[in-house]
Amino acid sequence: MEEAGELLKHPRMREHIASESWHLTRLKLNSEEKKSQPPPPHLLAQYNREELYEKVWSLPTREVAKHYGFSDVRLGKVCKILRVPKPGRGYWAKKDAGKPTPKRPPLLSLEKLKAG
């Protein structure tokens, strides 16, 4: 894996592999660049991160998505792009059954995400 990372440091190799971004993502070789980019301004203007965070932790994803008028898959993608943590799979079933659920992670500010 380290050898592949070293190869990708060369601009000519990056140019050669540019059309194969899916493979690079699958191998987790270009994930650093994507994480350092801020969320698109149009999404930040369209959604309030704090409000979205509160909604996804208080209602199941399908219900929150219905509120926004799109699918739960799209809501997951929006949360990922805006870096809003959401409950994992099975969270609501565990909560309904009265079983212990994972601790709710904090919503980090975008400035903290850039720095760390």
PDB file of N, CA and C in Angstrom:
ATOM      1  N   MET A   1       0.818  -1.185   0.000  1.00  0.00           N
ATOM      2  CA  MET A   1       0.000   0.000   0.000  1.00  0.00           C
ATOM      3  C   MET A   1       0.868   1.257   0.000  1.00  0.00           C
ATOM      4  N   GLU A   2       1.957   1.242   0.761  1.00  0.00           N
ATOM      5  CA  GLU A   2       2.826   2.416   0.802  1.00  0.00           C
ATOM      6  C   GLU A   2       3.437   2.694  -0.562  1.00  0.00           C
ATOM      7  N   GLU A   3       3.772   1.635  -1.302  1.00  0.00           N
ATOM      8  CA  GLU A   3       4.368   1.822  -2.633  1.00  0.00           C
ATOM      9  C   GLU A   3       3.383   2.518  -3.562  1.00  0.00           C
ATOM     10  N   ALA A   4       2.124   2.135  -3.479  1.00  0.00           N
ATOM     11  CA  ALA A   4       1.104   2.766  -4.319  1.00  0.00           C
ATOM     12  C   ALA A   4       0.970   4.236  -3.957  1.00  0.00           C
ATOM     13  N   GLY A   5       1.005   4.542  -2.683  1.00  0.00           N
ATOM     14  CA  GLY A   5       0.933   5.936  -2.246  1.00  0.00           C
ATOM     15  C   GLY A   5       2.108   6.741  -2.742  1.00  0.00           C
ATOM     16  N   GLU A   6       3.297   6.130  -2.726  1.00  0.00           N
ATOM     17  CA  GLU A   6       4.498   6.809  -3.231  1.00  0.00           C
ATOM     18  C   GLU A   6       4.382   7.067  -4.732  1.00  0.00           C
ATOM     19  N   LEU A   7       3.884   6.084  -5.457  1.00  0.00           N
ATOM     20  CA  LEU A   7       3.711   6.266  -6.905  1.00  0.00           C
ATOM     21  C   LEU A   7       2.748   7.407  -7.222  1.00  0.00           C
ATOM     22  N   LEU A   8       1.717   7.531  -6.409  1.00  0.00           N
ATOM     23  CA  LEU A   8       0.707   8.549  -6.675  1.00  0.00           C
ATOM     24  C   LEU A   8       1.153   9.959  -6.325  1.00  0.00           C
ATOM     25  N   LYS A   9       2.316  10.089  -5.716  1.00  0.00           N
ATOM     26  CA  LYS A   9       2.837  11.430  -5.433  1.00  0.00           C
ATOM     27  C   LYS A   9       3.351  12.102  -6.706  1.00  0.00           C
ATOM     28  N   HIS A  10       3.665  11.308  -7.703  1.00  0.00           N
ATOM     29  CA  HIS A  10       4.191  11.856  -8.951  1.00  0.00           C
ATOM     30  C   HIS A  10       3.051  12.377  -9.817  1.00  0.00           C
ATOM     31  N   PRO A  11       3.147  13.635 -10.278  1.00  0.00           N
ATOM     32  CA  PRO A  11       2.069  14.233 -11.063  1.00  0.00           C
ATOM     33  C   PRO A  11       1.736  13.446 -12.334  1.00  0.00           C
ATOM     34  N   ARG A  12       2.738  12.880 -12.983  1.00  0.00           N
ATOM     35  CA  ARG A  12       2.496  12.134 -14.228  1.00  0.00           C
ATOM     36  C   ARG A  12       1.637  10.890 -13.945  1.00  0.00           C
ATOM     37  N   MET A  13       1.905  10.211 -12.848  1.00  0.00           N
ATOM     38  CA  MET A  13       1.138   9.021 -12.486  1.00  0.00           C
ATOM     39  C   MET A  13      -0.296   9.414 -12.120  1.00  0.00           C
ATOM     40  N   ARG A  14      -0.463  10.518 -11.387  1.00  0.00           N
ATOM     41  CA  ARG A  14      -1.805  10.994 -11.043  1.00  0.00           C
ATOM     42  C   ARG A  14      -2.601  11.302 -12.311  1.00  0.00           C
ATOM     43  N   GLU A  15      -1.945  11.932 -13.262  1.00  0.00           N
ATOM     44  CA  GLU A  15      -2.598  12.255 -14.538  1.00  0.00           C
ATOM     45  C   GLU A  15      -3.007  10.979 -15.257  1.00  0.00           C
ATOM     46  N   HIS A  16      -2.150   9.990 -15.231  1.00  0.00           N
ATOM     47  CA  HIS A  16      -2.405   8.720 -15.910  1.00  0.00           C
ATOM     48  C   HIS A  16      -3.604   7.989 -15.276  1.00  0.00           C
ATOM     49  N   ILE A  17      -3.738   8.075 -13.966  1.00  0.00           N
ATOM     50  CA  ILE A  17      -4.760   7.321 -13.251  1.00  0.00           C
ATOM     51  C   ILE A  17      -6.017   8.157 -12.987  1.00  0.00           C
ATOM     52  N   ALA A  18      -6.053   9.413 -13.390  1.00  0.00           N
ATOM     53  CA  ALA A  18      -7.165  10.324 -13.059  1.00  0.00           C
ATOM     54  C   ALA A  18      -8.532   9.736 -13.389  1.00  0.00           C
ATOM     55  N   SER A  19      -8.649   9.002 -14.485  1.00  0.00           N
ATOM     56  CA  SER A  19      -9.958   8.458 -14.866  1.00  0.00           C
ATOM     57  C   SER A  19     -10.343   7.242 -14.021  1.00  0.00           C
ATOM     58  N   GLU A  20      -9.446   6.765 -13.208  1.00  0.00           N
ATOM     59  CA  GLU A  20      -9.703   5.579 -12.381  1.00  0.00           C
ATOM     60  C   GLU A  20      -9.941   5.952 -10.924  1.00  0.00           C
ATOM     61  N   SER A  21     -10.630   7.057 -10.680  1.00  0.00           N
ATOM     62  CA  SER A  21     -10.811   7.530  -9.307  1.00  0.00           C
ATOM     63  C   SER A  21     -11.565   6.519  -8.440  1.00  0.00           C
ATOM     64  N   TRP A  22     -12.457   5.746  -9.044  1.00  0.00           N
ATOM     65  CA  TRP A  22     -13.202   4.749  -8.270  1.00  0.00           C
ATOM     66  C   TRP A  22     -12.245   3.761  -7.618  1.00  0.00           C
ATOM     67  N   HIS A  23     -11.248   3.311  -8.386  1.00  0.00           N
ATOM     68  CA  HIS A  23     -10.272   2.349  -7.851  1.00  0.00           C
ATOM     69  C   HIS A  23      -9.431   2.987  -6.747  1.00  0.00           C
ATOM     70  N   LEU A  24      -9.061   4.252  -6.945  1.00  0.00           N
ATOM     71  CA  LEU A  24      -8.270   4.942  -5.927  1.00  0.00           C
ATOM     72  C   LEU A  24      -9.066   5.081  -4.626  1.00  0.00           C
ATOM     73  N   THR A  25     -10.334   5.413  -4.760  1.00  0.00           N
ATOM     74  CA  THR A  25     -11.185   5.544  -3.582  1.00  0.00           C
ATOM     75  C   THR A  25     -11.331   4.201  -2.889  1.00  0.00           C
ATOM     76  N   ARG A  26     -11.526   3.163  -3.672  1.00  0.00           N
ATOM     77  CA  ARG A  26     -11.679   1.819  -3.111  1.00  0.00           C
ATOM     78  C   ARG A  26     -10.439   1.393  -2.332  1.00  0.00           C
ATOM     79  N   LEU A  27      -9.276   1.797  -2.832  1.00  0.00           N
ATOM     80  CA  LEU A  27      -8.024   1.470  -2.158  1.00  0.00           C
ATOM     81  C   LEU A  27      -7.671   2.488  -1.070  1.00  0.00           C
ATOM     82  N   LYS A  28      -8.527   3.484  -0.881  1.00  0.00           N
ATOM     83  CA  LYS A  28      -8.339   4.541   0.119  1.00  0.00           C
ATOM     84  C   LYS A  28      -7.037   5.296  -0.100  1.00  0.00           C
ATOM     85  N   LEU A  29      -6.752   5.564  -1.384  1.00  0.00           N
ATOM     86  CA  LEU A  29      -5.524   6.282  -1.705  1.00  0.00           C
ATOM     87  C   LEU A  29      -5.755   7.765  -1.962  1.00  0.00           C
ATOM     88  N   ASN A  30      -6.981   8.164  -2.212  1.00  0.00           N
ATOM     89  CA  ASN A  30      -7.222   9.582  -2.456  1.00  0.00           C
ATOM     90  C   ASN A  30      -8.198  10.163  -1.444  1.00  0.00           C
ATOM     91  N   SER A  31      -8.426   9.494  -0.349  1.00  0.00           N
ATOM     92  CA  SER A  31      -9.395   9.954   0.634  1.00  0.00           C
ATOM     93  C   SER A  31      -8.915  11.195   1.391  1.00  0.00           C
ATOM     94  N   GLU A  32      -7.603  11.411   1.515  1.00  0.00           N
ATOM     95  CA  GLU A  32      -7.101  12.562   2.250  1.00  0.00           C
ATOM     96  C   GLU A  32      -7.514  13.858   1.577  1.00  0.00           C
ATOM     97  N   GLU A  33      -7.473  13.890   0.252  1.00  0.00           N
ATOM     98  CA  GLU A  33      -7.815  15.096  -0.475  1.00  0.00           C
ATOM     99  C   GLU A  33      -9.282  15.446  -0.281  1.00  0.00           C
ATOM    100  N   LYS A  34     -10.163  14.465  -0.358  1.00  0.00           N
ATOM    101  CA  LYS A  34     -11.586  14.721  -0.223  1.00  0.00           C
ATOM    102  C   LYS A  34     -11.932  15.201   1.170  1.00  0.00           C
ATOM    103  N   LYS A  35     -11.313  14.638   2.204  1.00  0.00           N
ATOM    104  CA  LYS A  35     -11.634  15.013   3.578  1.00  0.00           C
ATOM    105  C   LYS A  35     -11.211  16.438   3.875  1.00  0.00           C
ATOM    106  N   SER A  36     -10.149  16.923   3.237  1.00  0.00           N
ATOM    107  CA  SER A  36      -9.666  18.261   3.535  1.00  0.00           C
ATOM    108  C   SER A  36     -10.491  19.335   2.839  1.00  0.00           C
ATOM    109  N   GLN A  37     -11.287  18.978   1.842  1.00  0.00           N
ATOM    110  CA  GLN A  37     -12.100  19.956   1.144  1.00  0.00           C
ATOM    111  C   GLN A  37     -13.318  20.318   1.980  1.00  0.00           C
ATOM    112  N   PRO A  38     -13.662  21.611   2.019  1.00  0.00           N
ATOM    113  CA  PRO A  38     -14.867  21.996   2.765  1.00  0.00           C
ATOM    114  C   PRO A  38     -16.127  21.589   2.005  1.00  0.00           C
ATOM    115  N   PRO A  39     -17.240  21.450   2.706  1.00  0.00           N
ATOM    116  CA  PRO A  39     -18.495  21.125   2.024  1.00  0.00           C
ATOM    117  C   PRO A  39     -18.853  22.233   1.036  1.00  0.00           C
ATOM    118  N   PRO A  40     -19.538  21.897  -0.049  1.00  0.00           N
ATOM    119  CA  PRO A  40     -19.915  22.914  -1.043  1.00  0.00           C
ATOM    120  C   PRO A  40     -20.794  24.003  -0.426  1.00  0.00           C
ATOM    121  N   PRO A  41     -20.548  25.254  -0.782  1.00  0.00           N
ATOM    122  CA  PRO A  41     -21.315  26.367  -0.208  1.00  0.00           C
ATOM    123  C   PRO A  41     -22.819  26.271  -0.458  1.00  0.00           C
ATOM    124  N   HIS A  42     -23.215  25.720  -1.612  1.00  0.00           N
ATOM    125  CA  HIS A  42     -24.660  25.633  -1.891  1.00  0.00           C
ATOM    126  C   HIS A  42     -25.364  24.689  -0.911  1.00  0.00           C
ATOM    127  N   LEU A  43     -24.678  23.628  -0.475  1.00  0.00           N
ATOM    128  CA  LEU A  43     -25.282  22.729   0.512  1.00  0.00           C
ATOM    129  C   LEU A  43     -25.315  23.371   1.897  1.00  0.00           C
ATOM    130  N   LEU A  44     -24.266  24.118   2.222  1.00  0.00           N
ATOM    131  CA  LEU A  44     -24.244  24.809   3.509  1.00  0.00           C
ATOM    132  C   LEU A  44     -25.336  25.873   3.576  1.00  0.00           C
ATOM    133  N   ALA A  45     -25.637  26.494   2.438  1.00  0.00           N
ATOM    134  CA  ALA A  45     -26.700  27.505   2.391  1.00  0.00           C
ATOM    135  C   ALA A  45     -28.081  26.845   2.447  1.00  0.00           C
ATOM    136  N   GLN A  46     -28.187  25.648   1.893  1.00  0.00           N
ATOM    137  CA  GLN A  46     -29.481  24.956   1.799  1.00  0.00           C
ATOM    138  C   GLN A  46     -29.872  24.271   3.111  1.00  0.00           C
ATOM    139  N   TYR A  47     -28.892  23.778   3.869  1.00  0.00           N
ATOM    140  CA  TYR A  47     -29.173  23.028   5.091  1.00  0.00           C
ATOM    141  C   TYR A  47     -28.443  23.638   6.270  1.00  0.00           C
ATOM    142  N   ASN A  48     -29.101  23.662   7.400  1.00  0.00           N
ATOM    143  CA  ASN A  48     -28.498  24.089   8.652  1.00  0.00           C
ATOM    144  C   ASN A  48     -27.928  22.825   9.297  1.00  0.00           C
ATOM    145  N   ARG A  49     -26.603  22.756   9.454  1.00  0.00           N
ATOM    146  CA  ARG A  49     -25.956  21.552   9.970  1.00  0.00           C
ATOM    147  C   ARG A  49     -26.461  21.182  11.364  1.00  0.00           C
ATOM    148  N   GLU A  50     -26.609  22.170  12.243  1.00  0.00           N
ATOM    149  CA  GLU A  50     -27.046  21.893  13.612  1.00  0.00           C
ATOM    150  C   GLU A  50     -28.472  21.330  13.627  1.00  0.00           C
ATOM    151  N   GLU A  51     -29.338  21.927  12.802  1.00  0.00           N
ATOM    152  CA  GLU A  51     -30.729  21.455  12.728  1.00  0.00           C
ATOM    153  C   GLU A  51     -30.787  20.033  12.164  1.00  0.00           C
ATOM    154  N   LEU A  52     -30.007  19.786  11.117  1.00  0.00           N
ATOM    155  CA  LEU A  52     -29.962  18.456  10.515  1.00  0.00           C
ATOM    156  C   LEU A  52     -29.449  17.423  11.519  1.00  0.00           C
ATOM    157  N   TYR A  53     -28.408  17.788  12.255  1.00  0.00           N
ATOM    158  CA  TYR A  53     -27.831  16.921  13.280  1.00  0.00           C
ATOM    159  C   TYR A  53     -28.878  16.546  14.334  1.00  0.00           C
ATOM    160  N   GLU A  54     -29.606  17.541  14.825  1.00  0.00           N
ATOM    161  CA  GLU A  54     -30.642  17.283  15.823  1.00  0.00           C
ATOM    162  C   GLU A  54     -31.739  16.375  15.274  1.00  0.00           C
ATOM    163  N   LYS A  55     -32.125  16.589  14.022  1.00  0.00           N
ATOM    164  CA  LYS A  55     -33.197  15.785  13.427  1.00  0.00           C
ATOM    165  C   LYS A  55     -32.785  14.334  13.229  1.00  0.00           C
ATOM    166  N   VAL A  56     -31.559  14.097  12.712  1.00  0.00           N
ATOM    167  CA  VAL A  56     -31.163  12.708  12.446  1.00  0.00           C
ATOM    168  C   VAL A  56     -30.937  11.919  13.727  1.00  0.00           C
ATOM    169  N   TRP A  57     -30.726  12.611  14.857  1.00  0.00           N
ATOM    170  CA  TRP A  57     -30.562  11.917  16.130  1.00  0.00           C
ATOM    171  C   TRP A  57     -31.854  11.843  16.934  1.00  0.00           C
ATOM    172  N   SER A  58     -32.911  12.496  16.441  1.00  0.00           N
ATOM    173  CA  SER A  58     -34.179  12.434  17.171  1.00  0.00           C
ATOM    174  C   SER A  58     -35.246  11.634  16.431  1.00  0.00           C
ATOM    175  N   LEU A  59     -35.080  11.422  15.126  1.00  0.00           N
ATOM    176  CA  LEU A  59     -36.042  10.666  14.315  1.00  0.00           C
ATOM    177  C   LEU A  59     -35.309   9.712  13.385  1.00  0.00           C
ATOM    178  N   PRO A  60     -35.962   8.614  13.001  1.00  0.00           N
ATOM    179  CA  PRO A  60     -35.346   7.721  12.011  1.00  0.00           C
ATOM    180  C   PRO A  60     -35.101   8.446  10.678  1.00  0.00           C
ATOM    181  N   THR A  61     -34.097   7.999   9.954  1.00  0.00           N
ATOM    182  CA  THR A  61     -33.672   8.632   8.709  1.00  0.00           C
ATOM    183  C   THR A  61     -34.803   8.777   7.703  1.00  0.00           C
ATOM    184  N   ARG A  62     -35.646   7.771   7.574  1.00  0.00           N
ATOM    185  CA  ARG A  62     -36.745   7.858   6.609  1.00  0.00           C
ATOM    186  C   ARG A  62     -37.677   9.022   6.912  1.00  0.00           C
ATOM    187  N   GLU A  63     -37.959   9.228   8.195  1.00  0.00           N
ATOM    188  CA  GLU A  63     -38.855  10.328   8.574  1.00  0.00           C
ATOM    189  C   GLU A  63     -38.216  11.687   8.328  1.00  0.00           C
ATOM    190  N   VAL A  64     -36.940  11.806   8.622  1.00  0.00           N
ATOM    191  CA  VAL A  64     -36.237  13.067   8.381  1.00  0.00           C
ATOM    192  C   VAL A  64     -36.183  13.340   6.876  1.00  0.00           C
ATOM    193  N   ALA A  65     -35.896  12.312   6.098  1.00  0.00           N
ATOM    194  CA  ALA A  65     -35.836  12.468   4.639  1.00  0.00           C
ATOM    195  C   ALA A  65     -37.196  12.890   4.091  1.00  0.00           C
ATOM    196  N   LYS A  66     -38.258  12.329   4.628  1.00  0.00           N
ATOM    197  CA  LYS A  66     -39.606  12.687   4.197  1.00  0.00           C
ATOM    198  C   LYS A  66     -39.865  14.170   4.469  1.00  0.00           C
ATOM    199  N   HIS A  67     -39.369  14.660   5.592  1.00  0.00           N
ATOM    200  CA  HIS A  67     -39.517  16.081   5.940  1.00  0.00           C
ATOM    201  C   HIS A  67     -38.852  16.972   4.882  1.00  0.00           C
ATOM    202  N   TYR A  68     -37.673  16.550   4.397  1.00  0.00           N
ATOM    203  CA  TYR A  68     -36.950  17.325   3.394  1.00  0.00           C
ATOM    204  C   TYR A  68     -37.453  17.062   1.968  1.00  0.00           C
ATOM    205  N   GLY A  69     -38.214  15.996   1.800  1.00  0.00           N
ATOM    206  CA  GLY A  69     -38.789  15.708   0.491  1.00  0.00           C
ATOM    207  C   GLY A  69     -37.898  14.927  -0.453  1.00  0.00           C
ATOM    208  N   PHE A  70     -37.019  14.093   0.111  1.00  0.00           N
ATOM    209  CA  PHE A  70     -36.211  13.208  -0.735  1.00  0.00           C
ATOM    210  C   PHE A  70     -35.953  11.890  -0.029  1.00  0.00           C
ATOM    211  N   SER A  71     -35.176  11.014  -0.661  1.00  0.00           N
ATOM    212  CA  SER A  71     -34.977   9.662  -0.136  1.00  0.00           C
ATOM    213  C   SER A  71     -34.002   9.638   1.042  1.00  0.00           C
ATOM    214  N   ASP A  72     -34.065   8.545   1.794  1.00  0.00           N
ATOM    215  CA  ASP A  72     -33.148   8.376   2.918  1.00  0.00           C
ATOM    216  C   ASP A  72     -31.706   8.199   2.440  1.00  0.00           C
ATOM    217  N   VAL A  73     -31.535   7.661   1.237  1.00  0.00           N
ATOM    218  CA  VAL A  73     -30.188   7.495   0.679  1.00  0.00           C
ATOM    219  C   VAL A  73     -29.574   8.871   0.418  1.00  0.00           C
ATOM    220  N   ARG A  74     -30.370   9.766  -0.168  1.00  0.00           N
ATOM    221  CA  ARG A  74     -29.872  11.117  -0.422  1.00  0.00           C
ATOM    222  C   ARG A  74     -29.561  11.830   0.891  1.00  0.00           C
ATOM    223  N   LEU A  75     -30.395  11.644   1.892  1.00  0.00           N
ATOM    224  CA  LEU A  75     -30.139  12.260   3.195  1.00  0.00           C
ATOM    225  C   LEU A  75     -28.797  11.779   3.747  1.00  0.00           C
ATOM    226  N   GLY A  76     -28.519  10.492   3.597  1.00  0.00           N
ATOM    227  CA  GLY A  76     -27.235   9.957   4.049  1.00  0.00           C
ATOM    228  C   GLY A  76     -26.065  10.599   3.330  1.00  0.00           C
ATOM    229  N   LYS A  77     -26.229  10.826   2.033  1.00  0.00           N
ATOM    230  CA  LYS A  77     -25.164  11.458   1.252  1.00  0.00           C
ATOM    231  C   LYS A  77     -24.973  12.910   1.666  1.00  0.00           C
ATOM    232  N   VAL A  78     -26.070  13.616   1.897  1.00  0.00           N
ATOM    233  CA  VAL A  78     -25.986  15.006   2.342  1.00  0.00           C
ATOM    234  C   VAL A  78     -25.285  15.074   3.701  1.00  0.00           C
ATOM    235  N   CYS A  79     -25.650  14.186   4.608  1.00  0.00           N
ATOM    236  CA  CYS A  79     -25.008  14.152   5.926  1.00  0.00           C
ATOM    237  C   CYS A  79     -23.514  13.863   5.806  1.00  0.00           C
ATOM    238  N   LYS A  80     -23.161  12.991   4.911  1.00  0.00           N
ATOM    239  CA  LYS A  80     -21.751  12.652   4.726  1.00  0.00           C
ATOM    240  C   LYS A  80     -20.969  13.848   4.189  1.00  0.00           C
ATOM    241  N   ILE A  81     -21.542  14.529   3.197  1.00  0.00           N
ATOM    242  CA  ILE A  81     -20.867  15.691   2.604  1.00  0.00           C
ATOM    243  C   ILE A  81     -20.748  16.821   3.617  1.00  0.00           C
ATOM    244  N   LEU A  82     -21.811  17.045   4.396  1.00  0.00           N
ATOM    245  CA  LEU A  82     -21.799  18.118   5.389  1.00  0.00           C
ATOM    246  C   LEU A  82     -21.112  17.706   6.687  1.00  0.00           C
ATOM    247  N   ARG A  83     -20.673  16.458   6.754  1.00  0.00           N
ATOM    248  CA  ARG A  83     -19.986  15.893   7.922  1.00  0.00           C
ATOM    249  C   ARG A  83     -20.855  15.962   9.183  1.00  0.00           C
ATOM    250  N   VAL A  84     -22.096  15.516   8.992  1.00  0.00           N
ATOM    251  CA  VAL A  84     -23.037  15.419  10.103  1.00  0.00           C
ATOM    252  C   VAL A  84     -23.114  13.950  10.499  1.00  0.00           C
ATOM    253  N   PRO A  85     -22.651  13.578  11.697  1.00  0.00           N
ATOM    254  CA  PRO A  85     -22.724  12.166  12.096  1.00  0.00           C
ATOM    255  C   PRO A  85     -24.170  11.733  12.287  1.00  0.00           C
ATOM    256  N   LYS A  86     -24.494  10.519  11.837  1.00  0.00           N
ATOM    257  CA  LYS A  86     -25.842   9.992  12.036  1.00  0.00           C
ATOM    258  C   LYS A  86     -25.768   8.648  12.725  1.00  0.00           C
ATOM    259  N   PRO A  87     -26.876   8.224  13.316  1.00  0.00           N
ATOM    260  CA  PRO A  87     -26.868   6.935  14.019  1.00  0.00           C
ATOM    261  C   PRO A  87     -26.556   5.787  13.057  1.00  0.00           C
ATOM    262  N   GLY A  88     -25.913   4.785  13.579  1.00  0.00           N
ATOM    263  CA  GLY A  88     -25.575   3.626  12.771  1.00  0.00           C
ATOM    264  C   GLY A  88     -26.767   2.721  12.526  1.00  0.00           C
ATOM    265  N   ARG A  89     -26.528   1.722  11.734  1.00  0.00           N
ATOM    266  CA  ARG A  89     -27.569   0.759  11.400  1.00  0.00           C
ATOM    267  C   ARG A  89     -28.040   0.026  12.655  1.00  0.00           C
ATOM    268  N   GLY A  90     -29.335  -0.061  12.814  1.00  0.00           N
ATOM    269  CA  GLY A  90     -29.906  -0.756  13.960  1.00  0.00           C
ATOM    270  C   GLY A  90     -30.092   0.104  15.200  1.00  0.00           C
ATOM    271  N   TYR A  91     -29.692   1.350  15.122  1.00  0.00           N
ATOM    272  CA  TYR A  91     -29.790   2.247  16.278  1.00  0.00           C
ATOM    273  C   TYR A  91     -31.227   2.372  16.771  1.00  0.00           C
ATOM    274  N   TRP A  92     -32.163   2.614  15.845  1.00  0.00           N
ATOM    275  CA  TRP A  92     -33.553   2.846  16.236  1.00  0.00           C
ATOM    276  C   TRP A  92     -34.221   1.573  16.738  1.00  0.00           C
ATOM    277  N   ALA A  93     -33.845   0.425  16.192  1.00  0.00           N
ATOM    278  CA  ALA A  93     -34.395  -0.842  16.675  1.00  0.00           C
ATOM    279  C   ALA A  93     -33.935  -1.096  18.107  1.00  0.00           C
ATOM    280  N   LYS A  94     -32.655  -0.831  18.377  1.00  0.00           N
ATOM    281  CA  LYS A  94     -32.134  -1.002  19.735  1.00  0.00           C
ATOM    282  C   LYS A  94     -32.821  -0.045  20.698  1.00  0.00           C
ATOM    283  N   LYS A  95     -32.987   1.187  20.257  1.00  0.00           N
ATOM    284  CA  LYS A  95     -33.617   2.188  21.111  1.00  0.00           C
ATOM    285  C   LYS A  95     -35.061   1.798  21.421  1.00  0.00           C
ATOM    286  N   ASP A  96     -35.798   1.331  20.395  1.00  0.00           N
ATOM    287  CA  ASP A  96     -37.187   0.904  20.599  1.00  0.00           C
ATOM    288  C   ASP A  96     -37.280  -0.306  21.527  1.00  0.00           C
ATOM    289  N   ALA A  97     -36.268  -1.171  21.477  1.00  0.00           N
ATOM    290  CA  ALA A  97     -36.270  -2.373  22.313  1.00  0.00           C
ATOM    291  C   ALA A  97     -35.763  -2.095  23.726  1.00  0.00           C
ATOM    292  N   GLY A  98     -35.323  -0.869  23.968  1.00  0.00           N
ATOM    293  CA  GLY A  98     -34.839  -0.517  25.296  1.00  0.00           C
ATOM    294  C   GLY A  98     -33.419  -0.979  25.577  1.00  0.00           C
ATOM    295  N   LYS A  99     -32.708  -1.361  24.529  1.00  0.00           N
ATOM    296  CA  LYS A  99     -31.317  -1.793  24.707  1.00  0.00           C
ATOM    297  C   LYS A  99     -30.395  -0.581  24.686  1.00  0.00           C
ATOM    298  N   PRO A 100     -29.195  -0.740  25.240  1.00  0.00           N
ATOM    299  CA  PRO A 100     -28.259   0.389  25.231  1.00  0.00           C
ATOM    300  C   PRO A 100     -27.851   0.752  23.797  1.00  0.00           C
ATOM    301  N   THR A 101     -27.779   2.049  23.541  1.00  0.00           N
ATOM    302  CA  THR A 101     -27.406   2.529  22.202  1.00  0.00           C
ATOM    303  C   THR A 101     -26.061   3.239  22.276  1.00  0.00           C
ATOM    304  N   PRO A 102     -25.362   3.324  21.154  1.00  0.00           N
ATOM    305  CA  PRO A 102     -24.074   4.022  21.145  1.00  0.00           C
ATOM    306  C   PRO A 102     -24.237   5.491  21.532  1.00  0.00           C
ATOM    307  N   LYS A 103     -23.205   6.032  22.124  1.00  0.00           N
ATOM    308  CA  LYS A 103     -23.218   7.426  22.544  1.00  0.00           C
ATOM    309  C   LYS A 103     -23.262   8.328  21.314  1.00  0.00           C
ATOM    310  N   ARG A 104     -24.019   9.398  21.418  1.00  0.00           N
ATOM    311  CA  ARG A 104     -24.171  10.361  20.326  1.00  0.00           C
ATOM    312  C   ARG A 104     -22.883  11.168  20.175  1.00  0.00           C
ATOM    313  N   PRO A 105     -22.228  11.107  18.999  1.00  0.00           N
ATOM    314  CA  PRO A 105     -20.992  11.869  18.807  1.00  0.00           C
ATOM    315  C   PRO A 105     -21.296  13.363  18.672  1.00  0.00           C
ATOM    316  N   PRO A 106     -20.354  14.208  19.048  1.00  0.00           N
ATOM    317  CA  PRO A 106     -20.602  15.644  18.934  1.00  0.00           C
ATOM    318  C   PRO A 106     -20.549  16.097  17.475  1.00  0.00           C
ATOM    319  N   LEU A 107     -21.213  17.188  17.179  1.00  0.00           N
ATOM    320  CA  LEU A 107     -21.147  17.811  15.855  1.00  0.00           C
ATOM    321  C   LEU A 107     -19.981  18.778  15.888  1.00  0.00           C
ATOM    322  N   LEU A 108     -18.909  18.421  15.203  1.00  0.00           N
ATOM    323  CA  LEU A 108     -17.723  19.277  15.187  1.00  0.00           C
ATOM    324  C   LEU A 108     -17.942  20.448  14.243  1.00  0.00           C
ATOM    325  N   SER A 109     -17.376  21.591  14.589  1.00  0.00           N
ATOM    326  CA  SER A 109     -17.474  22.743  13.699  1.00  0.00           C
ATOM    327  C   SER A 109     -16.600  22.481  12.474  1.00  0.00           C
ATOM    328  N   LEU A 110     -16.913  23.142  11.384  1.00  0.00           N
ATOM    329  CA  LEU A 110     -16.152  22.936  10.142  1.00  0.00           C
ATOM    330  C   LEU A 110     -14.705  23.404  10.307  1.00  0.00           C
ATOM    331  N   GLU A 111     -14.456  24.383  11.169  1.00  0.00           N
ATOM    332  CA  GLU A 111     -13.098  24.848  11.406  1.00  0.00           C
ATOM    333  C   GLU A 111     -12.268  23.765  12.078  1.00  0.00           C
ATOM    334  N   LYS A 112     -12.883  23.057  13.042  1.00  0.00           N
ATOM    335  CA  LYS A 112     -12.173  21.966  13.724  1.00  0.00           C
ATOM    336  C   LYS A 112     -11.904  20.817  12.763  1.00  0.00           C
ATOM    337  N   LEU A 113     -12.838  20.572  11.831  1.00  0.00           N
ATOM    338  CA  LEU A 113     -12.634  19.505  10.863  1.00  0.00           C
ATOM    339  C   LEU A 113     -11.491  19.826   9.918  1.00  0.00           C
ATOM    340  N   LYS A 114     -11.349  21.090   9.541  1.00  0.00           N
ATOM    341  CA  LYS A 114     -10.253  21.496   8.663  1.00  0.00           C
ATOM    342  C   LYS A 114      -8.909  21.305   9.346  1.00  0.00           C
ATOM    343  N   ALA A 115      -8.860  21.670  10.643  1.00  0.00           N
ATOM    344  CA  ALA A 115      -7.599  21.601  11.396  1.00  0.00           C
ATOM    345  C   ALA A 115      -7.207  20.159  11.704  1.00  0.00           C
ATOM    346  N   GLY A 116      -8.183  19.318  11.972  1.00  0.00           N
ATOM    347  CA  GLY A 116      -7.863  17.965  12.418  1.00  0.00           C
ATOM    348  C   GLY A 116      -8.228  16.990  11.411  1.00  0.00           C
TER     349      GLY A 116
END
